[in-house]
């Protein structure tokens, strides 16, 4: 994969092309909008200690020259607080100097490598916070002339082994003398291509149920103290029953998580900046459109074996 970036300097023009080693064979990660959940980007994917290397190609228009005070490339990992830019923070910052001050003419290539660079967290694109990794190429210009700067994003994913303990979820829900149900989910920890399996058992039904749904909700918590913000969003809604059940009826639950690609792993206190939790929300709707629900937290993880 390569990125051709056109950059204009004052008094001259140049183009910057950044080419990653092994770009054609590298896997990619799709980035989704945190609000519409639609695909917005596709980035080259890296592991947590994988080397990031390639070359920067800078070309100056024929017959032109570009005076500069040095050329450098940086590897940066940053948490961006979208609602409070002053709280954003770079947690990784490495620099490679590509050339000393001079004058550029024609085309020149600059190889670079950030060897086994640590990438401590996953890429995350949220409503109020974003965690990104990127390469920043800077052609520093003389005083009073803006620098030429361009950024090139990449994605990072951590893979995990299956948790040793994975308890079932069992709960009872009662509404006075009107409704009494038991529900069970086989697992409380699921990988991103897993299947939510379970059942709902109706012990007592004295209200007219129109339908029953299972929702997946994501709660993003960003910041701390008075600056903390929370955002809850419904990522998935799956109907598991249509029509009124009778006493003693058992309804199976089978929901494929792979149908919802905008799901991410659960994140806990990432760089002391944000957390992401997921919940299964069982919803019953009666004939008067009143909603009855019971919510339970689940843990999502990215499996090392299947790459999801």
C-alpha atoms as a PDB file:
ATOM      1  CA  UNK A   1       0.000   0.000   0.000  1.00  0.00           C
ATOM      2  CA  UNK A   2       1.272   3.427  -0.764  1.00  0.00           C
ATOM      3  CA  UNK A   3       0.062   6.934  -0.239  1.00  0.00           C
ATOM      4  CA  UNK A   4       0.714   9.746  -2.687  1.00  0.00           C
ATOM      5  CA  UNK A   5       0.443  13.034  -0.851  1.00  0.00           C
ATOM      6  CA  UNK A   6       0.595  16.298  -2.801  1.00  0.00           C
ATOM      7  CA  UNK A   7       2.133  19.120  -0.794  1.00  0.00           C
ATOM      8  CA  UNK A   8       2.658  22.741  -1.789  1.00  0.00           C
ATOM      9  CA  UNK A   9       5.348  24.995  -0.328  1.00  0.00           C
ATOM     10  CA  UNK A  10       5.596  28.734  -0.723  1.00  0.00           C
ATOM     11  CA  UNK A  11       7.473  29.723  -3.841  1.00  0.00           C
ATOM     12  CA  UNK A  12       7.854  26.135  -5.061  1.00  0.00           C
ATOM     13  CA  UNK A  13       5.944  22.874  -5.124  1.00  0.00           C
ATOM     14  CA  UNK A  14       6.820  19.321  -4.176  1.00  0.00           C
ATOM     15  CA  UNK A  15       5.066  15.994  -3.777  1.00  0.00           C
ATOM     16  CA  UNK A  16       5.581  13.415  -1.045  1.00  0.00           C
ATOM     17  CA  UNK A  17       5.054   9.699  -1.605  1.00  0.00           C
ATOM     18  CA  UNK A  18       5.229   7.317   1.365  1.00  0.00           C
ATOM     19  CA  UNK A  19       5.606   3.607   0.563  1.00  0.00           C
ATOM     20  CA  UNK A  20       5.486   0.949   3.290  1.00  0.00           C
ATOM     21  CA  UNK A  21       7.621  -2.180   2.947  1.00  0.00           C
ATOM     22  CA  UNK A  22       5.515  -5.220   2.056  1.00  0.00           C
ATOM     23  CA  UNK A  23       2.514  -3.022   1.409  1.00  0.00           C
ATOM     24  CA  UNK A  24       0.951  -5.273  -1.234  1.00  0.00           C
ATOM     25  CA  UNK A  25       0.854  -8.316   1.085  1.00  0.00           C
ATOM     26  CA  UNK A  26      -0.096  -6.508   4.271  1.00  0.00           C
ATOM     27  CA  UNK A  27      -3.506  -7.027   5.839  1.00  0.00           C
ATOM     28  CA  UNK A  28      -5.730  -4.012   6.272  1.00  0.00           C
ATOM     29  CA  UNK A  29      -8.231  -2.884   8.886  1.00  0.00           C
ATOM     30  CA  UNK A  30     -11.524  -1.197   8.060  1.00  0.00           C
ATOM     31  CA  UNK A  31     -12.357   1.863  10.156  1.00  0.00           C
ATOM     32  CA  UNK A  32     -16.011   2.572  10.887  1.00  0.00           C
ATOM     33  CA  UNK A  33     -17.824   5.766  11.774  1.00  0.00           C
ATOM     34  CA  UNK A  34     -18.703   5.792  15.501  1.00  0.00           C
ATOM     35  CA  UNK A  35     -22.109   7.318  14.764  1.00  0.00           C
ATOM     36  CA  UNK A  36     -23.340   5.861  11.458  1.00  0.00           C
ATOM     37  CA  UNK A  37     -21.252   2.644  11.798  1.00  0.00           C
ATOM     38  CA  UNK A  38     -20.482   2.882   8.088  1.00  0.00           C
ATOM     39  CA  UNK A  39     -17.061   2.228   6.602  1.00  0.00           C
ATOM     40  CA  UNK A  40     -14.982   5.418   6.427  1.00  0.00           C
ATOM     41  CA  UNK A  41     -11.408   4.228   5.827  1.00  0.00           C
ATOM     42  CA  UNK A  42      -9.130   1.238   5.282  1.00  0.00           C
ATOM     43  CA  UNK A  43      -5.643   1.290   6.833  1.00  0.00           C
ATOM     44  CA  UNK A  44      -2.580  -0.977   6.754  1.00  0.00           C
ATOM     45  CA  UNK A  45      -2.616  -3.229   9.827  1.00  0.00           C
ATOM     46  CA  UNK A  46       0.335  -3.765  12.201  1.00  0.00           C
ATOM     47  CA  UNK A  47       0.967  -5.978  15.213  1.00  0.00           C
ATOM     48  CA  UNK A  48       1.941  -4.723  18.666  1.00  0.00           C
ATOM     49  CA  UNK A  49       5.747  -4.983  18.188  1.00  0.00           C
ATOM     50  CA  UNK A  50       6.019  -5.165  14.413  1.00  0.00           C
ATOM     51  CA  UNK A  51       8.629  -3.068  12.616  1.00  0.00           C
ATOM     52  CA  UNK A  52       7.303  -0.140  10.594  1.00  0.00           C
ATOM     53  CA  UNK A  53       9.559   0.578   7.624  1.00  0.00           C
ATOM     54  CA  UNK A  54       9.489   1.901   4.095  1.00  0.00           C
ATOM     55  CA  UNK A  55      10.649   4.907   2.144  1.00  0.00           C
ATOM     56  CA  UNK A  56       9.688   8.526   1.680  1.00  0.00           C
ATOM     57  CA  UNK A  57       9.968   9.865  -1.868  1.00  0.00           C
ATOM     58  CA  UNK A  58      10.084  13.651  -2.242  1.00  0.00           C
ATOM     59  CA  UNK A  59       9.893  15.189  -5.697  1.00  0.00           C
ATOM     60  CA  UNK A  60      10.369  18.841  -6.570  1.00  0.00           C
ATOM     61  CA  UNK A  61       8.848  20.120  -9.794  1.00  0.00           C
ATOM     62  CA  UNK A  62      11.254  20.188 -12.722  1.00  0.00           C
ATOM     63  CA  UNK A  63      13.177  23.452 -12.926  1.00  0.00           C
ATOM     64  CA  UNK A  64      12.354  24.305  -9.298  1.00  0.00           C
ATOM     65  CA  UNK A  65      14.293  23.983  -6.041  1.00  0.00           C
ATOM     66  CA  UNK A  66      13.209  23.816  -2.408  1.00  0.00           C
ATOM     67  CA  UNK A  67      15.287  25.161   0.443  1.00  0.00           C
ATOM     68  CA  UNK A  68      14.740  23.294   3.708  1.00  0.00           C
ATOM     69  CA  UNK A  69      16.099  23.194   7.259  1.00  0.00           C
ATOM     70  CA  UNK A  70      15.931  19.421   7.568  1.00  0.00           C
ATOM     71  CA  UNK A  71      13.613  16.508   6.753  1.00  0.00           C
ATOM     72  CA  UNK A  72      12.350  14.052   9.360  1.00  0.00           C
ATOM     73  CA  UNK A  73       9.793  11.305   9.863  1.00  0.00           C
ATOM     74  CA  UNK A  74       8.088  10.533  13.167  1.00  0.00           C
ATOM     75  CA  UNK A  75       6.162   7.517  14.410  1.00  0.00           C
ATOM     76  CA  UNK A  76       3.426   8.729  16.763  1.00  0.00           C
ATOM     77  CA  UNK A  77       0.778   7.086  18.908  1.00  0.00           C
ATOM     78  CA  UNK A  78      -1.774   9.524  20.305  1.00  0.00           C
ATOM     79  CA  UNK A  79      -5.047   9.646  22.199  1.00  0.00           C
ATOM     80  CA  UNK A  80      -7.122  12.499  20.825  1.00  0.00           C
ATOM     81  CA  UNK A  81      -9.930  13.816  23.024  1.00  0.00           C
ATOM     82  CA  UNK A  82     -12.263  15.130  20.361  1.00  0.00           C
ATOM     83  CA  UNK A  83     -14.326  17.234  22.756  1.00  0.00           C
ATOM     84  CA  UNK A  84     -11.289  18.716  24.550  1.00  0.00           C
ATOM     85  CA  UNK A  85      -8.200  18.987  22.358  1.00  0.00           C
ATOM     86  CA  UNK A  86      -6.090  20.271  25.255  1.00  0.00           C
ATOM     87  CA  UNK A  87      -6.480  16.896  26.975  1.00  0.00           C
ATOM     88  CA  UNK A  88      -5.099  14.979  23.970  1.00  0.00           C
ATOM     89  CA  UNK A  89      -1.809  13.196  24.528  1.00  0.00           C
ATOM     90  CA  UNK A  90       0.949  11.516  22.549  1.00  0.00           C
ATOM     91  CA  UNK A  91       2.010   8.316  24.338  1.00  0.00           C
ATOM     92  CA  UNK A  92       4.595   7.268  21.732  1.00  0.00           C
ATOM     93  CA  UNK A  93       6.852   9.577  19.729  1.00  0.00           C
ATOM     94  CA  UNK A  94       9.929   8.411  17.812  1.00  0.00           C
ATOM     95  CA  UNK A  95      11.920  10.468  15.315  1.00  0.00           C
ATOM     96  CA  UNK A  96      14.223   9.579  12.414  1.00  0.00           C
ATOM     97  CA  UNK A  97      16.160  12.405  10.754  1.00  0.00           C
ATOM     98  CA  UNK A  98      16.161  11.858   7.003  1.00  0.00           C
ATOM     99  CA  UNK A  99      18.323  14.758   5.790  1.00  0.00           C
ATOM    100  CA  UNK A 100      20.242  17.736   7.127  1.00  0.00           C
ATOM    101  CA  UNK A 101      19.430  21.298   5.959  1.00  0.00           C
ATOM    102  CA  UNK A 102      19.975  21.885   2.255  1.00  0.00           C
ATOM    103  CA  UNK A 103      18.309  22.440  -1.093  1.00  0.00           C
ATOM    104  CA  UNK A 104      16.111  19.853  -2.803  1.00  0.00           C
ATOM    105  CA  UNK A 105      15.920  19.426  -6.565  1.00  0.00           C
ATOM    106  CA  UNK A 106      14.479  16.597  -8.600  1.00  0.00           C
ATOM    107  CA  UNK A 107      13.448  13.415  -6.779  1.00  0.00           C
ATOM    108  CA  UNK A 108      15.055  11.823  -3.726  1.00  0.00           C
ATOM    109  CA  UNK A 109      14.255   8.692  -1.728  1.00  0.00           C
ATOM    110  CA  UNK A 110      14.707   8.299   2.043  1.00  0.00           C
ATOM    111  CA  UNK A 111      14.444   4.809   3.590  1.00  0.00           C
ATOM    112  CA  UNK A 112      13.275   4.647   7.209  1.00  0.00           C
ATOM    113  CA  UNK A 113      12.642   1.995   9.869  1.00  0.00           C
ATOM    114  CA  UNK A 114      11.130   1.995  13.340  1.00  0.00           C
ATOM    115  CA  UNK A 115      12.358  -1.410  14.461  1.00  0.00           C
ATOM    116  CA  UNK A 116      10.071  -3.521  16.656  1.00  0.00           C
ATOM    117  CA  UNK A 117       8.383  -0.364  17.849  1.00  0.00           C
ATOM    118  CA  UNK A 118       5.989  -0.938  20.761  1.00  0.00           C
ATOM    119  CA  UNK A 119       2.359  -0.228  20.008  1.00  0.00           C
ATOM    120  CA  UNK A 120       0.706  -0.644  23.384  1.00  0.00           C
ATOM    121  CA  UNK A 121      -2.947  -0.173  22.441  1.00  0.00           C
ATOM    122  CA  UNK A 122      -5.442  -0.902  19.679  1.00  0.00           C
ATOM    123  CA  UNK A 123      -6.527   1.712  17.187  1.00  0.00           C
ATOM    124  CA  UNK A 124      -9.930   3.086  18.210  1.00  0.00           C
ATOM    125  CA  UNK A 125     -12.295   5.494  16.462  1.00  0.00           C
ATOM    126  CA  UNK A 126     -14.935   6.690  18.922  1.00  0.00           C
ATOM    127  CA  UNK A 127     -17.494   9.425  19.401  1.00  0.00           C
ATOM    128  CA  UNK A 128     -15.502  11.508  21.895  1.00  0.00           C
ATOM    129  CA  UNK A 129     -12.064   9.936  21.699  1.00  0.00           C
ATOM    130  CA  UNK A 130      -9.787   8.538  19.029  1.00  0.00           C
ATOM    131  CA  UNK A 131      -6.606   6.488  19.417  1.00  0.00           C
ATOM    132  CA  UNK A 132      -4.457   6.590  16.329  1.00  0.00           C
ATOM    133  CA  UNK A 133      -0.992   5.671  15.095  1.00  0.00           C
ATOM    134  CA  UNK A 134       0.524   7.604  12.241  1.00  0.00           C
ATOM    135  CA  UNK A 135       3.707   8.560  10.438  1.00  0.00           C
ATOM    136  CA  UNK A 136       4.372  12.269  10.148  1.00  0.00           C
ATOM    137  CA  UNK A 137       6.710  13.562   7.449  1.00  0.00           C
ATOM    138  CA  UNK A 138       8.009  17.099   8.007  1.00  0.00           C
ATOM    139  CA  UNK A 139      10.030  19.194   5.587  1.00  0.00           C
ATOM    140  CA  UNK A 140      11.161  22.087   7.792  1.00  0.00           C
ATOM    141  CA  UNK A 141      11.235  25.415   6.002  1.00  0.00           C
ATOM    142  CA  UNK A 142      13.235  28.580   6.757  1.00  0.00           C
ATOM    143  CA  UNK A 143      11.809  31.011   9.351  1.00  0.00           C
ATOM    144  CA  UNK A 144       8.491  32.679   8.457  1.00  0.00           C
ATOM    145  CA  UNK A 145       7.676  29.983   5.887  1.00  0.00           C
ATOM    146  CA  UNK A 146       5.237  27.246   6.975  1.00  0.00           C
ATOM    147  CA  UNK A 147       6.677  23.742   7.247  1.00  0.00           C
ATOM    148  CA  UNK A 148       5.453  21.064   4.863  1.00  0.00           C
ATOM    149  CA  UNK A 149       3.788  18.431   7.042  1.00  0.00           C
ATOM    150  CA  UNK A 150       1.774  15.356   6.135  1.00  0.00           C
ATOM    151  CA  UNK A 151       0.429  12.482   8.224  1.00  0.00           C
ATOM    152  CA  UNK A 152      -0.166   8.879   7.178  1.00  0.00           C
ATOM    153  CA  UNK A 153      -2.416   6.714   9.403  1.00  0.00           C
ATOM    154  CA  UNK A 154      -2.109   3.015  10.154  1.00  0.00           C
ATOM    155  CA  UNK A 155      -4.088   0.572  12.292  1.00  0.00           C
ATOM    156  CA  UNK A 156      -2.886  -1.578  15.202  1.00  0.00           C
ATOM    157  CA  UNK A 157      -4.636  -4.663  16.572  1.00  0.00           C
ATOM    158  CA  UNK A 158      -3.780  -6.850  19.569  1.00  0.00           C
ATOM    159  CA  UNK A 159      -4.838 -10.499  19.542  1.00  0.00           C
ATOM    160  CA  UNK A 160      -5.666 -12.476  22.666  1.00  0.00           C
ATOM    161  CA  UNK A 161      -5.897 -16.096  23.744  1.00  0.00           C
ATOM    162  CA  UNK A 162      -9.240 -17.432  24.934  1.00  0.00           C
ATOM    163  CA  UNK A 163      -9.928 -16.492  28.580  1.00  0.00           C
ATOM    164  CA  UNK A 164      -9.399 -19.392  30.989  1.00  0.00           C
ATOM    165  CA  UNK A 165     -12.604 -18.559  32.878  1.00  0.00           C
ATOM    166  CA  UNK A 166     -15.755 -17.869  30.913  1.00  0.00           C
ATOM    167  CA  UNK A 167     -18.845 -18.015  33.091  1.00  0.00           C
ATOM    168  CA  UNK A 168     -22.415 -18.275  31.893  1.00  0.00           C
ATOM    169  CA  UNK A 169     -24.875 -15.454  32.533  1.00  0.00           C
ATOM    170  CA  UNK A 170     -28.065 -16.457  34.354  1.00  0.00           C
ATOM    171  CA  UNK A 171     -30.669 -14.009  35.611  1.00  0.00           C
ATOM    172  CA  UNK A 172     -34.343 -13.807  36.546  1.00  0.00           C
ATOM    173  CA  UNK A 173     -36.597 -10.877  35.733  1.00  0.00           C
ATOM    174  CA  UNK A 174     -39.946 -10.248  37.364  1.00  0.00           C
ATOM    175  CA  UNK A 175     -42.564  -7.521  36.980  1.00  0.00           C
ATOM    176  CA  UNK A 176     -44.920  -7.888  39.976  1.00  0.00           C
ATOM    177  CA  UNK A 177     -47.468 -10.565  39.064  1.00  0.00           C
ATOM    178  CA  UNK A 178     -47.409  -9.781  35.352  1.00  0.00           C
ATOM    179  CA  UNK A 179     -44.200 -11.305  34.019  1.00  0.00           C
ATOM    180  CA  UNK A 180     -41.520 -13.654  35.271  1.00  0.00           C
ATOM    181  CA  UNK A 181     -38.735 -14.879  32.998  1.00  0.00           C
ATOM    182  CA  UNK A 182     -35.352 -16.573  33.290  1.00  0.00           C
ATOM    183  CA  UNK A 183     -32.642 -16.037  30.699  1.00  0.00           C
ATOM    184  CA  UNK A 184     -29.259 -17.583  30.171  1.00  0.00           C
ATOM    185  CA  UNK A 185     -26.297 -16.815  27.911  1.00  0.00           C
ATOM    186  CA  UNK A 186     -23.704 -19.561  27.462  1.00  0.00           C
ATOM    187  CA  UNK A 187     -20.705 -17.209  27.750  1.00  0.00           C
ATOM    188  CA  UNK A 188     -19.944 -13.808  29.247  1.00  0.00           C
ATOM    189  CA  UNK A 189     -16.731 -13.366  27.208  1.00  0.00           C
ATOM    190  CA  UNK A 190     -16.934 -13.514  23.423  1.00  0.00           C
ATOM    191  CA  UNK A 191     -14.530 -12.910  20.549  1.00  0.00           C
ATOM    192  CA  UNK A 192     -15.547 -10.578  17.737  1.00  0.00           C
ATOM    193  CA  UNK A 193     -16.724 -13.391  15.439  1.00  0.00           C
ATOM    194  CA  UNK A 194     -18.396 -15.391  18.199  1.00  0.00           C
ATOM    195  CA  UNK A 195     -22.073 -16.314  18.521  1.00  0.00           C
ATOM    196  CA  UNK A 196     -24.263 -15.250  21.431  1.00  0.00           C
ATOM    197  CA  UNK A 197     -26.035 -18.460  22.446  1.00  0.00           C
ATOM    198  CA  UNK A 198     -28.689 -18.776  25.111  1.00  0.00           C
ATOM    199  CA  UNK A 199     -32.367 -19.109  25.895  1.00  0.00           C
ATOM    200  CA  UNK A 200     -35.220 -17.210  27.493  1.00  0.00           C
ATOM    201  CA  UNK A 201     -37.707 -19.188  29.599  1.00  0.00           C
ATOM    202  CA  UNK A 202     -41.143 -17.768  30.433  1.00  0.00           C
ATOM    203  CA  UNK A 203     -42.298 -18.796  33.902  1.00  0.00           C
ATOM    204  CA  UNK A 204     -45.265 -16.438  33.994  1.00  0.00           C
ATOM    205  CA  UNK A 205     -46.892 -14.312  31.275  1.00  0.00           C
ATOM    206  CA  UNK A 206     -49.873 -12.096  32.063  1.00  0.00           C
ATOM    207  CA  UNK A 207     -49.161  -9.279  29.651  1.00  0.00           C
ATOM    208  CA  UNK A 208     -49.431  -9.302  25.871  1.00  0.00           C
ATOM    209  CA  UNK A 209     -45.873  -9.410  24.492  1.00  0.00           C
ATOM    210  CA  UNK A 210     -45.538  -8.178  20.894  1.00  0.00           C
ATOM    211  CA  UNK A 211     -41.885  -8.978  20.332  1.00  0.00           C
ATOM    212  CA  UNK A 212     -38.568  -9.627  22.048  1.00  0.00           C
ATOM    213  CA  UNK A 213     -35.212  -8.196  20.938  1.00  0.00           C
ATOM    214  CA  UNK A 214     -31.590  -8.561  21.880  1.00  0.00           C
ATOM    215  CA  UNK A 215     -29.437  -5.422  21.631  1.00  0.00           C
ATOM    216  CA  UNK A 216     -25.715  -4.817  21.904  1.00  0.00           C
ATOM    217  CA  UNK A 217     -24.895  -1.482  23.476  1.00  0.00           C
ATOM    218  CA  UNK A 218     -21.515   0.225  23.634  1.00  0.00           C
ATOM    219  CA  UNK A 219     -20.659   2.653  26.404  1.00  0.00           C
ATOM    220  CA  UNK A 220     -17.666   4.894  25.761  1.00  0.00           C
ATOM    221  CA  UNK A 221     -16.282   6.755  28.783  1.00  0.00           C
ATOM    222  CA  UNK A 222     -13.693   9.447  28.083  1.00  0.00           C
ATOM    223  CA  UNK A 223     -11.828  11.757  30.453  1.00  0.00           C
ATOM    224  CA  UNK A 224     -11.932  11.886  34.242  1.00  0.00           C
ATOM    225  CA  UNK A 225     -13.599  13.916  36.973  1.00  0.00           C
ATOM    226  CA  UNK A 226     -15.616  16.952  35.904  1.00  0.00           C
ATOM    227  CA  UNK A 227     -14.287  16.571  32.350  1.00  0.00           C
ATOM    228  CA  UNK A 228     -15.580  13.000  31.939  1.00  0.00           C
ATOM    229  CA  UNK A 229     -18.129  12.309  29.189  1.00  0.00           C
ATOM    230  CA  UNK A 230     -20.096   9.123  28.531  1.00  0.00           C
ATOM    231  CA  UNK A 231     -21.689   8.047  25.284  1.00  0.00           C
ATOM    232  CA  UNK A 232     -23.980   5.015  24.957  1.00  0.00           C
ATOM    233  CA  UNK A 233     -24.908   3.743  21.516  1.00  0.00           C
ATOM    234  CA  UNK A 234     -26.878   0.756  20.205  1.00  0.00           C
ATOM    235  CA  UNK A 235     -24.676  -1.141  17.736  1.00  0.00           C
ATOM    236  CA  UNK A 236     -26.906  -4.119  17.089  1.00  0.00           C
ATOM    237  CA  UNK A 237     -30.591  -4.988  17.374  1.00  0.00           C
ATOM    238  CA  UNK A 238     -31.768  -8.533  16.720  1.00  0.00           C
ATOM    239  CA  UNK A 239     -35.354  -9.805  16.995  1.00  0.00           C
ATOM    240  CA  UNK A 240     -35.511 -13.193  18.723  1.00  0.00           C
ATOM    241  CA  UNK A 241     -39.284 -13.530  19.101  1.00  0.00           C
ATOM    242  CA  UNK A 242     -42.356 -12.183  17.306  1.00  0.00           C
ATOM    243  CA  UNK A 243     -45.706 -12.677  19.001  1.00  0.00           C
ATOM    244  CA  UNK A 244     -46.885 -13.389  22.516  1.00  0.00           C
ATOM    245  CA  UNK A 245     -45.287 -16.326  24.377  1.00  0.00           C
ATOM    246  CA  UNK A 246     -47.130 -18.661  26.751  1.00  0.00           C
ATOM    247  CA  UNK A 247     -46.190 -19.893  30.185  1.00  0.00           C
ATOM    248  CA  UNK A 248     -43.503 -22.567  30.029  1.00  0.00           C
ATOM    249  CA  UNK A 249     -42.261 -21.565  26.577  1.00  0.00           C
ATOM    250  CA  UNK A 250     -38.498 -21.485  25.965  1.00  0.00           C
ATOM    251  CA  UNK A 251     -37.106 -19.171  23.258  1.00  0.00           C
ATOM    252  CA  UNK A 252     -33.604 -19.890  21.881  1.00  0.00           C
ATOM    253  CA  UNK A 253     -31.100 -17.065  21.401  1.00  0.00           C
ATOM    254  CA  UNK A 254     -28.574 -17.192  18.553  1.00  0.00           C
ATOM    255  CA  UNK A 255     -26.905 -13.926  17.499  1.00  0.00           C
ATOM    256  CA  UNK A 256     -23.837 -13.809  15.215  1.00  0.00           C
ATOM    257  CA  UNK A 257     -21.428 -11.038  16.214  1.00  0.00           C
ATOM    258  CA  UNK A 258     -19.671 -11.170  12.837  1.00  0.00           C
ATOM    259  CA  UNK A 259     -22.737  -9.450  11.374  1.00  0.00           C
ATOM    260  CA  UNK A 260     -21.708  -6.277  13.228  1.00  0.00           C
ATOM    261  CA  UNK A 261     -18.189  -5.342  12.054  1.00  0.00           C
ATOM    262  CA  UNK A 262     -18.078  -2.035  13.974  1.00  0.00           C
ATOM    263  CA  UNK A 263     -17.720  -3.939  17.258  1.00  0.00           C
ATOM    264  CA  UNK A 264     -14.348  -3.566  18.990  1.00  0.00           C
ATOM    265  CA  UNK A 265     -12.794  -5.345  21.944  1.00  0.00           C
ATOM    266  CA  UNK A 266     -13.604  -4.180  25.444  1.00  0.00           C
ATOM    267  CA  UNK A 267     -11.079  -1.536  26.587  1.00  0.00           C
ATOM    268  CA  UNK A 268     -10.368  -0.696  30.219  1.00  0.00           C
ATOM    269  CA  UNK A 269      -8.750   2.605  31.197  1.00  0.00           C
ATOM    270  CA  UNK A 270      -6.602   2.984  28.077  1.00  0.00           C
ATOM    271  CA  UNK A 271      -3.661   5.278  28.877  1.00  0.00           C
ATOM    272  CA  UNK A 272      -5.809   6.664  31.729  1.00  0.00           C
ATOM    273  CA  UNK A 273      -7.931   8.370  29.059  1.00  0.00           C
ATOM    274  CA  UNK A 274     -10.893   6.195  28.085  1.00  0.00           C
ATOM    275  CA  UNK A 275     -12.743   2.907  28.490  1.00  0.00           C
ATOM    276  CA  UNK A 276     -15.170   0.998  26.265  1.00  0.00           C
ATOM    277  CA  UNK A 277     -17.718  -1.463  27.658  1.00  0.00           C
ATOM    278  CA  UNK A 278     -20.340  -3.645  25.959  1.00  0.00           C
ATOM    279  CA  UNK A 279     -23.720  -4.825  27.210  1.00  0.00           C
ATOM    280  CA  UNK A 280     -26.358  -7.327  26.121  1.00  0.00           C
ATOM    281  CA  UNK A 281     -29.780  -5.751  26.507  1.00  0.00           C
ATOM    282  CA  UNK A 282     -32.813  -8.061  26.466  1.00  0.00           C
ATOM    283  CA  UNK A 283     -35.904  -6.028  25.505  1.00  0.00           C
ATOM    284  CA  UNK A 284     -39.562  -7.063  25.595  1.00  0.00           C
ATOM    285  CA  UNK A 285     -42.187  -4.838  23.955  1.00  0.00           C
ATOM    286  CA  UNK A 286     -45.876  -5.212  24.807  1.00  0.00           C
ATOM    287  CA  UNK A 287     -48.900  -4.346  22.688  1.00  0.00           C
ATOM    288  CA  UNK A 288     -48.969  -0.819  24.133  1.00  0.00           C
ATOM    289  CA  UNK A 289     -45.305  -0.381  23.066  1.00  0.00           C
ATOM    290  CA  UNK A 290     -44.098  -0.366  26.653  1.00  0.00           C
ATOM    291  CA  UNK A 291     -40.575  -1.684  26.917  1.00  0.00           C
ATOM    292  CA  UNK A 292     -39.197  -3.996  29.583  1.00  0.00           C
ATOM    293  CA  UNK A 293     -35.486  -4.711  29.556  1.00  0.00           C
ATOM    294  CA  UNK A 294     -32.632  -6.306  31.455  1.00  0.00           C
ATOM    295  CA  UNK A 295     -28.998  -5.451  30.765  1.00  0.00           C
ATOM    296  CA  UNK A 296     -25.803  -7.364  31.464  1.00  0.00           C
ATOM    297  CA  UNK A 297     -22.185  -6.503  30.715  1.00  0.00           C
ATOM    298  CA  UNK A 298     -20.152  -8.761  28.422  1.00  0.00           C
ATOM    299  CA  UNK A 299     -16.447  -8.816  27.589  1.00  0.00           C
ATOM    300  CA  UNK A 300     -15.394  -8.726  23.917  1.00  0.00           C
ATOM    301  CA  UNK A 301     -11.949  -9.735  22.697  1.00  0.00           C
ATOM    302  CA  UNK A 302     -10.082 -10.289  19.419  1.00  0.00           C
ATOM    303  CA  UNK A 303      -9.161 -13.926  18.927  1.00  0.00           C
ATOM    304  CA  UNK A 304      -5.569 -14.829  18.045  1.00  0.00           C
ATOM    305  CA  UNK A 305      -6.602 -18.000  16.245  1.00  0.00           C
ATOM    306  CA  UNK A 306      -9.086 -16.662  13.720  1.00  0.00           C
ATOM    307  CA  UNK A 307      -7.808 -13.092  13.352  1.00  0.00           C
ATOM    308  CA  UNK A 308     -11.075 -11.485  14.430  1.00  0.00           C
END
